[in-house]
Amino acid sequence: MTNKKFYRLFGRKPRKSESKLTQMDMDLGCSVQVYSNQVIRIVAGVLKTVLLT
């Protein structure tokens, strides 16, 4: 789901699925979720405006 640029940006390789979650893993997951929610709200707002006009 990510690429080499992502790994270089955060300075580590992806976590193996069976390994223990670290605080960094949880922080990254939270940040991605918050950003995704913001994008979805913006897209939904634009769609609402377009469809109702």
N, C-alpha and C. Protein backbone atom coordinates (compact mmCIF):
# COMPACT_ATOMS: atom_id res chain seq x y z
N MET A 1 0.82 -1.19 0.00
CA MET A 1 0.00 0.00 0.00
C MET A 1 0.86 1.26 0.00
N THR A 2 2.11 1.15 0.39
CA THR A 2 3.03 2.29 0.35
C THR A 2 4.19 1.93 -0.58
N ASN A 3 5.04 2.92 -0.83
CA ASN A 3 6.16 2.67 -1.73
C ASN A 3 7.49 3.06 -1.07
N LYS A 4 8.57 2.96 -1.83
CA LYS A 4 9.91 3.23 -1.28
C LYS A 4 10.06 4.67 -0.81
N LYS A 5 9.39 5.61 -1.47
CA LYS A 5 9.47 7.01 -1.05
C LYS A 5 8.90 7.18 0.36
N PHE A 6 7.80 6.48 0.62
CA PHE A 6 7.19 6.52 1.94
C PHE A 6 8.15 5.97 2.99
N TYR A 7 8.81 4.86 2.67
CA TYR A 7 9.76 4.25 3.61
C TYR A 7 10.93 5.19 3.88
N ARG A 8 11.44 5.83 2.82
CA ARG A 8 12.55 6.76 3.01
C ARG A 8 12.13 7.96 3.84
N LEU A 9 10.92 8.45 3.62
CA LEU A 9 10.43 9.62 4.35
C LEU A 9 10.39 9.36 5.85
N PHE A 10 9.97 8.17 6.25
CA PHE A 10 9.85 7.85 7.67
C PHE A 10 11.04 7.07 8.21
N GLY A 11 12.01 6.76 7.37
CA GLY A 11 13.26 6.18 7.81
C GLY A 11 13.19 4.74 8.30
N ARG A 12 12.24 3.99 7.80
CA ARG A 12 12.18 2.58 8.19
C ARG A 12 11.33 1.78 7.21
N LYS A 13 11.54 0.49 7.23
CA LYS A 13 10.79 -0.41 6.35
C LYS A 13 9.42 -0.69 6.95
N PRO A 14 8.51 -1.23 6.15
CA PRO A 14 7.18 -1.53 6.67
C PRO A 14 7.22 -2.56 7.80
N ARG A 15 6.27 -2.45 8.69
CA ARG A 15 6.16 -3.38 9.81
C ARG A 15 5.61 -4.71 9.31
N LYS A 16 6.18 -5.79 9.80
CA LYS A 16 5.64 -7.11 9.46
C LYS A 16 4.34 -7.30 10.21
N SER A 17 3.38 -7.94 9.56
CA SER A 17 2.04 -8.04 10.14
C SER A 17 2.02 -8.74 11.51
N GLU A 18 2.96 -9.62 11.76
CA GLU A 18 2.96 -10.32 13.05
C GLU A 18 3.74 -9.60 14.13
N SER A 19 4.42 -8.51 13.78
CA SER A 19 5.22 -7.79 14.77
C SER A 19 4.34 -6.87 15.61
N LYS A 20 4.89 -6.46 16.74
CA LYS A 20 4.17 -5.62 17.69
C LYS A 20 4.03 -4.19 17.16
N LEU A 21 2.87 -3.59 17.39
CA LEU A 21 2.66 -2.20 16.99
C LEU A 21 3.49 -1.27 17.89
N THR A 22 4.12 -0.28 17.27
CA THR A 22 4.86 0.72 18.04
C THR A 22 4.03 2.00 18.09
N GLN A 23 4.46 2.92 18.92
CA GLN A 23 3.76 4.20 19.01
C GLN A 23 3.80 4.92 17.67
N MET A 24 4.91 4.80 16.94
CA MET A 24 5.01 5.43 15.63
C MET A 24 3.98 4.85 14.65
N ASP A 25 3.78 3.53 14.70
CA ASP A 25 2.77 2.91 13.84
C ASP A 25 1.39 3.48 14.14
N MET A 26 1.09 3.60 15.42
CA MET A 26 -0.22 4.11 15.82
C MET A 26 -0.38 5.58 15.44
N ASP A 27 0.68 6.36 15.62
CA ASP A 27 0.63 7.78 15.26
C ASP A 27 0.45 7.98 13.76
N LEU A 28 1.18 7.18 12.98
CA LEU A 28 1.02 7.26 11.51
C LEU A 28 -0.39 6.89 11.09
N GLY A 29 -0.92 5.81 11.67
CA GLY A 29 -2.27 5.38 11.35
C GLY A 29 -3.30 6.44 11.68
N CYS A 30 -3.14 7.06 12.83
CA CYS A 30 -4.06 8.11 13.25
C CYS A 30 -3.98 9.31 12.31
N SER A 31 -2.77 9.72 11.97
CA SER A 31 -2.59 10.86 11.08
C SER A 31 -3.21 10.61 9.70
N VAL A 32 -3.01 9.42 9.18
CA VAL A 32 -3.58 9.07 7.87
C VAL A 32 -5.11 9.08 7.95
N GLN A 33 -5.65 8.58 9.04
CA GLN A 33 -7.11 8.54 9.19
C GLN A 33 -7.70 9.94 9.29
N VAL A 34 -7.06 10.82 10.06
CA VAL A 34 -7.54 12.20 10.21
C VAL A 34 -7.51 12.91 8.86
N TYR A 35 -6.41 12.77 8.14
CA TYR A 35 -6.28 13.40 6.83
C TYR A 35 -7.31 12.86 5.84
N SER A 36 -7.50 11.55 5.85
CA SER A 36 -8.49 10.94 4.95
C SER A 36 -9.89 11.46 5.24
N ASN A 37 -10.23 11.56 6.53
CA ASN A 37 -11.55 12.09 6.90
C ASN A 37 -11.74 13.52 6.40
N GLN A 38 -10.71 14.33 6.49
CA GLN A 38 -10.80 15.71 6.01
C GLN A 38 -11.04 15.74 4.50
N VAL A 39 -10.31 14.92 3.77
CA VAL A 39 -10.47 14.86 2.32
C VAL A 39 -11.87 14.40 1.95
N ILE A 40 -12.37 13.39 2.64
CA ILE A 40 -13.72 12.88 2.35
C ILE A 40 -14.77 13.95 2.62
N ARG A 41 -14.61 14.71 3.69
CA ARG A 41 -15.57 15.79 3.98
C ARG A 41 -15.55 16.85 2.90
N ILE A 42 -14.37 17.19 2.43
CA ILE A 42 -14.26 18.21 1.36
C ILE A 42 -14.93 17.70 0.09
N VAL A 43 -14.62 16.47 -0.30
CA VAL A 43 -15.20 15.89 -1.51
C VAL A 43 -16.72 15.80 -1.37
N ALA A 44 -17.20 15.37 -0.21
CA ALA A 44 -18.64 15.29 0.00
C ALA A 44 -19.30 16.65 -0.10
N GLY A 45 -18.66 17.67 0.43
CA GLY A 45 -19.19 19.03 0.34
C GLY A 45 -19.27 19.51 -1.11
N VAL A 46 -18.24 19.24 -1.87
CA VAL A 46 -18.24 19.64 -3.28
C VAL A 46 -19.33 18.88 -4.04
N LEU A 47 -19.43 17.59 -3.79
CA LEU A 47 -20.48 16.79 -4.46
C LEU A 47 -21.88 17.30 -4.11
N LYS A 48 -22.08 17.62 -2.85
CA LYS A 48 -23.37 18.14 -2.42
C LYS A 48 -23.70 19.43 -3.16
N THR A 49 -22.72 20.31 -3.26
CA THR A 49 -22.91 21.59 -3.94
C THR A 49 -23.22 21.37 -5.43
N VAL A 50 -22.48 20.49 -6.05
CA VAL A 50 -22.66 20.22 -7.49
C VAL A 50 -24.00 19.57 -7.75
N LEU A 51 -24.37 18.61 -6.93
CA LEU A 51 -25.61 17.87 -7.17
C LEU A 51 -26.86 18.66 -6.83
N LEU A 52 -26.76 19.61 -5.94
CA LEU A 52 -27.93 20.39 -5.52
C LEU A 52 -28.10 21.69 -6.31
N THR A 53 -27.20 21.96 -7.24
CA THR A 53 -27.34 23.19 -8.04
C THR A 53 -27.68 22.87 -9.47
